[in-house]
Protein backbone atom coordinates (compact mmCIF):
# COMPACT_ATOMS: atom_id res chain seq x y z
CA MET A 1 0.00 0.00 0.00
CA ILE A 2 1.10 3.57 -0.71
CA ASP A 3 0.79 5.52 2.54
CA ARG A 4 2.17 8.91 1.55
CA ALA A 5 2.14 11.13 -1.51
CA LEU A 6 4.75 10.20 -4.11
CA PRO A 7 7.11 12.95 -5.31
CA HIS A 8 5.83 13.48 -8.85
CA LEU A 9 3.62 12.21 -11.66
CA GLN A 10 6.28 9.84 -12.99
CA ALA A 11 6.56 8.17 -9.58
CA TRP A 12 2.80 7.70 -9.35
CA THR A 13 2.69 6.32 -12.88
CA ASP A 14 5.53 3.88 -12.19
CA ALA A 15 3.87 2.70 -8.97
CA LEU A 16 0.44 2.04 -10.46
CA ALA A 17 1.30 0.94 -14.01
CA GLU A 18 2.43 -2.51 -12.86
CA ALA A 19 0.13 -2.83 -9.85
CA ASP A 20 -2.57 -5.49 -9.89
CA ILE A 21 -6.13 -4.37 -10.51
CA PRO A 22 -8.54 -6.19 -8.18
CA VAL A 23 -12.14 -6.68 -9.28
CA LEU A 24 -15.51 -6.77 -7.56
CA PRO A 25 -16.38 -10.01 -5.74
CA SER A 26 -19.50 -10.39 -7.89
CA THR A 27 -17.28 -10.21 -10.96
CA ALA A 28 -14.95 -12.91 -9.65
CA LEU A 29 -17.91 -15.17 -8.85
CA ARG A 30 -19.44 -14.64 -12.29
CA ILE A 31 -16.14 -15.44 -13.99
CA ALA A 32 -16.05 -18.74 -12.09
CA GLU A 33 -19.63 -19.52 -13.16
CA LEU A 34 -18.94 -18.69 -16.79
CA GLN A 35 -15.74 -20.71 -16.78
CA ALA A 36 -17.66 -23.73 -15.49
CA LEU A 37 -20.29 -23.17 -18.20
CA GLU A 38 -17.63 -22.98 -20.89
CA GLU A 39 -15.97 -26.18 -19.67
CA ALA A 40 -19.32 -28.00 -19.53
CA LYS A 41 -21.03 -26.75 -22.69
CA GLY A 42 -18.63 -24.50 -24.60
CA THR A 43 -21.33 -21.85 -25.04
CA VAL A 44 -19.57 -18.79 -23.62
CA ASP A 45 -18.67 -16.07 -26.11
CA ALA A 46 -17.19 -12.57 -25.99
CA HIS A 47 -20.58 -10.87 -26.00
CA LEU A 48 -21.80 -12.86 -22.98
CA LEU A 49 -18.59 -12.12 -21.08
CA SER A 50 -18.78 -8.43 -21.92
CA GLN A 51 -22.45 -8.24 -21.00
CA ASP A 52 -21.97 -9.93 -17.63
CA LEU A 53 -18.65 -8.35 -16.62
CA GLY A 54 -18.77 -4.94 -18.31
CA GLY A 55 -20.53 -3.25 -15.40
CA ASP A 56 -17.33 -3.51 -13.36
CA PRO A 57 -14.99 -0.66 -14.40
CA LEU A 58 -12.05 -2.37 -12.71
CA MET A 59 -12.56 -5.58 -14.69
CA THR A 60 -13.02 -3.60 -17.89
CA LEU A 61 -9.76 -1.75 -17.26
CA LYS A 62 -7.96 -4.97 -16.32
CA VAL A 63 -8.89 -6.65 -19.61
CA LEU A 64 -8.14 -3.61 -21.78
CA VAL A 65 -4.70 -3.18 -20.20
CA HIS A 66 -3.86 -6.86 -20.60
CA VAL A 67 -4.91 -6.99 -24.26
CA SER A 68 -3.30 -3.64 -25.12
CA ARG A 69 0.03 -4.95 -23.85
CA TYR A 70 -0.43 -8.02 -26.04
CA CYS A 71 -1.20 -5.80 -29.03
CA THR A 72 1.87 -3.67 -28.36
CA ARG A 73 4.08 -6.75 -28.58
CA LEU A 74 2.45 -7.63 -31.91
CA SER A 75 2.57 -4.02 -33.17
CA VAL A 76 -1.17 -3.98 -33.87
CA GLU A 77 -3.86 -1.49 -32.86
CA PRO A 78 -5.58 -2.45 -29.58
CA PRO A 79 -9.37 -2.96 -29.58
CA GLU A 80 -11.45 -0.06 -28.28
CA THR A 81 -14.15 -2.01 -26.42
CA LEU A 82 -14.32 -4.79 -23.85
CA THR A 83 -16.07 -7.07 -26.35
CA GLY A 84 -13.37 -6.43 -28.94
CA ALA A 85 -10.63 -7.09 -26.40
CA ILE A 86 -12.13 -10.45 -25.42
CA LEU A 87 -12.64 -11.38 -29.07
CA MET A 88 -9.00 -10.66 -29.82
CA GLN A 89 -7.83 -12.65 -26.81
CA GLY A 90 -10.09 -15.67 -27.23
CA ILE A 91 -12.30 -17.41 -24.67
CA GLY A 92 -9.75 -19.97 -23.47
CA PRO A 93 -6.94 -17.44 -23.00
CA PHE A 94 -9.40 -15.10 -21.27
CA PHE A 95 -10.13 -17.65 -18.56
CA THR A 96 -6.45 -18.52 -18.30
CA ALA A 97 -5.58 -14.87 -17.68
CA PHE A 98 -8.55 -13.90 -15.49
CA GLY A 99 -9.86 -17.13 -13.98
CA GLN A 100 -8.82 -16.20 -10.44
CA PRO A 101 -8.59 -12.42 -10.19
CA ALA A 102 -7.77 -10.54 -7.00
CA ARG A 103 -10.96 -9.34 -5.28
CA VAL A 104 -11.38 -5.87 -3.81
CA ASP A 105 -13.15 -7.18 -0.70
CA GLU A 106 -10.13 -9.34 0.14
CA TRP A 107 -7.66 -6.71 -1.07
CA LEU A 108 -9.16 -4.08 1.24
CA ALA A 109 -10.13 -6.38 4.10
CA ASP A 110 -8.14 -4.24 6.55
CA HIS A 111 -9.58 -1.00 5.13
CA PRO A 112 -13.40 -1.24 5.29
CA GLU A 113 -13.78 2.52 4.84
CA ALA A 114 -11.90 2.21 1.55
CA MET A 115 -14.43 -0.34 0.30
CA ASP A 116 -17.20 2.18 0.96
CA GLY A 117 -15.27 4.90 -0.85
CA LEU A 118 -14.51 2.66 -3.80
CA GLN A 119 -18.13 1.55 -4.09
CA ALA A 120 -19.19 5.21 -4.24
CA VAL A 121 -16.82 5.87 -7.16
CA LEU A 122 -18.03 2.72 -8.94
CA ARG A 123 -21.68 3.74 -8.57
CA ARG A 124 -20.86 7.21 -9.86
CA SER A 125 -18.97 5.79 -12.83
CA ARG A 126 -21.84 3.51 -13.82
CA ARG A 127 -24.25 6.44 -13.70
CA ALA A 128 -21.86 8.56 -15.78
CA ALA A 129 -21.58 5.78 -18.36
CA HIS A 130 -25.38 5.51 -18.58
CA PHE A 131 -25.72 9.26 -19.12
CA ALA A 132 -22.92 9.28 -21.69
CA TYR A 133 -24.33 6.39 -23.72
CA SER A 134 -27.77 7.99 -23.86
CA PHE A 135 -26.36 11.39 -24.81
CA ALA A 136 -24.22 9.77 -27.51
CA LEU A 137 -27.22 7.92 -28.93
CA HIS A 138 -29.18 11.16 -28.98
CA ARG A 139 -26.34 12.70 -30.98
CA GLN A 140 -26.33 9.63 -33.29
CA ASP A 141 -22.68 9.08 -32.43
CA GLU A 142 -21.39 5.94 -34.16
CA ASP A 143 -18.89 5.52 -31.31
CA ALA A 144 -21.54 5.48 -28.57
CA VAL A 145 -20.17 2.23 -27.10
CA ILE A 146 -16.69 3.73 -26.85
CA VAL A 147 -18.10 6.92 -25.30
CA HIS A 148 -19.89 4.71 -22.76
CA GLY A 149 -16.61 2.94 -21.96
CA ALA A 150 -14.74 6.23 -21.66
CA ALA A 151 -17.25 7.55 -19.11
CA LEU A 152 -17.12 4.26 -17.20
CA LEU A 153 -13.33 4.50 -16.96
CA HIS A 154 -12.98 8.28 -16.61
CA ASP A 155 -12.34 8.11 -12.86
CA PHE A 156 -10.32 4.89 -12.82
CA ALA A 157 -7.32 6.65 -11.23
CA GLU A 158 -9.50 7.44 -8.21
CA MET A 159 -10.54 3.77 -8.06
CA LEU A 160 -6.90 2.68 -8.10
CA LEU A 161 -6.14 5.22 -5.38
CA TRP A 162 -8.76 3.59 -3.13
CA CYS A 163 -7.22 0.19 -3.89
CA HIS A 164 -3.54 1.06 -3.51
CA ALA A 165 -3.45 4.20 -1.33
CA PRO A 166 -6.62 3.97 0.79
CA ALA A 167 -5.47 6.38 3.50
CA LEU A 168 -4.73 9.08 0.94
CA ALA A 169 -8.01 8.41 -0.86
CA GLN A 170 -9.88 8.72 2.44
CA ALA A 171 -8.17 12.01 3.26
CA LEU A 172 -9.06 13.34 -0.18
CA SER A 173 -12.68 12.25 0.14
CA GLN A 174 -13.04 13.80 3.60
CA ARG A 175 -11.66 17.15 2.49
CA LEU A 176 -14.09 17.35 -0.42
CA ALA A 177 -17.03 16.20 1.71
CA GLU A 178 -16.30 18.87 4.32
CA ASP A 179 -16.28 21.71 1.79
CA HIS A 180 -18.22 21.29 -1.46
CA THR A 181 -16.84 24.59 -2.76
CA LEU A 182 -13.35 23.10 -3.13
CA ARG A 183 -12.20 22.05 -6.59
CA SER A 184 -11.24 18.37 -6.71
CA ALA A 185 -8.12 19.13 -8.75
CA ASP A 186 -6.86 21.63 -6.15
CA VAL A 187 -7.26 19.17 -3.27
CA GLN A 188 -5.63 16.40 -5.33
CA ARG A 189 -2.58 18.56 -6.00
CA GLU A 190 -2.38 19.49 -2.33
CA LEU A 191 -2.67 15.96 -0.91
CA LEU A 192 -1.23 13.83 -3.73
CA GLY A 193 1.07 16.21 -5.57
CA VAL A 194 -0.72 15.38 -8.85
CA GLU A 195 -4.15 15.67 -10.42
CA LEU A 196 -5.88 12.34 -10.89
CA GLY A 197 -6.86 13.31 -14.43
CA ASP A 198 -3.19 13.74 -15.34
CA LEU A 199 -2.36 10.43 -13.66
CA ALA A 200 -5.10 8.64 -15.60
CA GLN A 201 -3.80 10.02 -18.89
CA ALA A 202 -0.22 9.05 -18.03
CA LEU A 203 -1.28 5.51 -17.15
CA MET A 204 -3.39 5.08 -20.27
CA ARG A 205 -0.51 6.18 -22.45
CA ARG A 206 1.91 3.94 -20.57
CA TRP A 207 -0.44 1.01 -21.13
CA GLN A 208 -0.92 2.14 -24.75
CA LEU A 209 -4.69 1.93 -24.57
CA PRO A 210 -6.66 2.78 -27.75
CA ASP A 211 -6.20 6.36 -28.93
CA LEU A 212 -9.93 7.10 -29.11
CA LEU A 213 -10.50 5.87 -25.56
CA VAL A 214 -7.57 7.97 -24.31
CA ARG A 215 -8.84 11.05 -26.12
CA CYS A 216 -12.42 10.67 -24.91
CA THR A 217 -11.23 10.67 -21.28
CA ASP A 218 -8.94 13.69 -21.72
CA ASP A 219 -10.74 16.75 -20.38
CA ARG A 220 -8.24 19.03 -22.13
CA HIS A 221 -10.07 18.29 -25.41
CA ALA A 222 -13.40 19.56 -24.10
CA HIS A 223 -14.18 21.24 -27.43
CA HIS A 224 -14.72 17.83 -29.05
CA PRO A 225 -18.35 16.61 -28.78
CA GLN A 226 -17.38 13.10 -27.64
CA VAL A 227 -15.11 14.42 -24.91
CA ARG A 228 -17.79 16.95 -23.96
CA THR A 229 -20.30 14.13 -23.69
CA VAL A 230 -18.05 12.20 -21.31
CA MET A 231 -17.13 15.27 -19.26
CA LEU A 232 -20.72 16.39 -18.77
CA SER A 233 -21.87 12.88 -17.89
CA VAL A 234 -19.11 12.49 -15.30
CA ARG A 235 -19.83 15.95 -13.90
CA ILE A 236 -23.57 15.33 -13.57
CA ALA A 237 -22.98 11.96 -11.92
CA ARG A 238 -20.60 13.63 -9.46
CA HIS A 239 -22.83 16.62 -8.72
CA THR A 240 -25.91 14.44 -8.13
CA GLN A 241 -24.27 11.56 -6.28
CA TYR A 242 -25.90 12.59 -2.97
CA GLY A 243 -29.34 13.24 -4.49
CA TRP A 244 -31.08 15.75 -6.72
CA LEU A 245 -32.29 17.96 -3.87
CA GLU A 246 -28.95 18.37 -2.08
CA GLU A 247 -27.85 22.01 -1.81
CA HIS A 248 -24.64 21.58 -3.82
CA THR A 249 -26.57 19.74 -6.53
CA GLN A 250 -29.08 22.56 -6.81
CA ALA A 251 -26.27 25.09 -7.13
CA SER A 252 -24.43 23.14 -9.85
CA LEU A 253 -27.36 21.77 -11.84
CA PRO A 254 -28.38 24.85 -13.89
CA ASP A 255 -24.96 25.14 -15.53
CA ASP A 256 -24.81 21.38 -16.16
CA VAL A 257 -28.27 21.36 -17.70
CA ALA A 258 -27.49 24.35 -19.91
CA GLU A 259 -24.39 22.63 -21.29
CA VAL A 260 -26.27 19.38 -21.94
CA ALA A 261 -28.98 21.37 -23.70
CA GLN A 262 -26.36 22.95 -25.94
CA LEU A 263 -24.69 19.59 -26.64
CA LEU A 264 -27.95 17.84 -27.52
CA THR A 265 -29.68 20.83 -29.15
CA LEU A 266 -32.51 20.82 -26.63
CA SER A 267 -34.21 23.43 -24.50
CA ASN A 268 -33.02 23.62 -20.90
CA ASP A 269 -36.32 22.17 -19.66
CA ALA A 270 -36.11 19.26 -22.10
CA ALA A 271 -32.48 18.62 -21.16
CA LEU A 272 -33.35 18.52 -17.44
CA ARG A 273 -36.23 16.10 -18.08
CA LYS A 274 -33.96 13.87 -20.13
CA ILE A 275 -31.24 13.78 -17.47
CA GLN A 276 -33.68 13.02 -14.66
CA ASP A 277 -35.57 10.42 -16.71
CA LEU A 278 -32.27 8.63 -17.35
CA ASP A 279 -31.62 8.49 -13.61
CA ASP A 280 -34.97 6.93 -12.66
């Protein structure tokens, strides 16, 4: 475990690039069930695996990193989706590589508060992915599945922080919970010495993940509609994570709604209805 801030971005990247990525216990159990099904009937395919495991951002990241490294050795472009990554790998090799993954509940057994923090980020990421996919479909974006994946993984550096530096993640979470006016990036620089967005980009480039996925998670390209879709979805999921009627939500929501309305070419009222309908 990392118990104190590392000196610079390179040090953080080096520490996390080779670290194991534990998965949710439900994911590990489902992998075991699907492996037994494959051994008994041979009916498991990439679409079934992706459908059943794709709701776990940690598992999604784990597979994409593994396959991207394989592609780098072969000098071929890595697949941009979880389904594509499993297809490239093959069903047998998938179970060989991921048949017994580390589980976050065992990984963080001595840090129960970290499990709660991680679960909050995972819930937020799933909501962001749902928003992003729906916004992308509204825009008739042919890359809607990739946009969904980018939103799901946007905050993966925060997930890894909970897994590998739980005390620092807890300190960061407490500071932000105590004062909702603080900018996350400012607190991250203060406590970690880096911004998690910069760390995520550095890790994705180190792992040589697909260019489109990297770009869609890079907030510095906010002018691009796909990046804007991901950013707004992540922001709305973050601002509403404690409920729609919370004071901070009410303060942030008008600006968020106005930007969604502009992105989707809707009125503000229609944009608000769409966002809230998606969250039912």
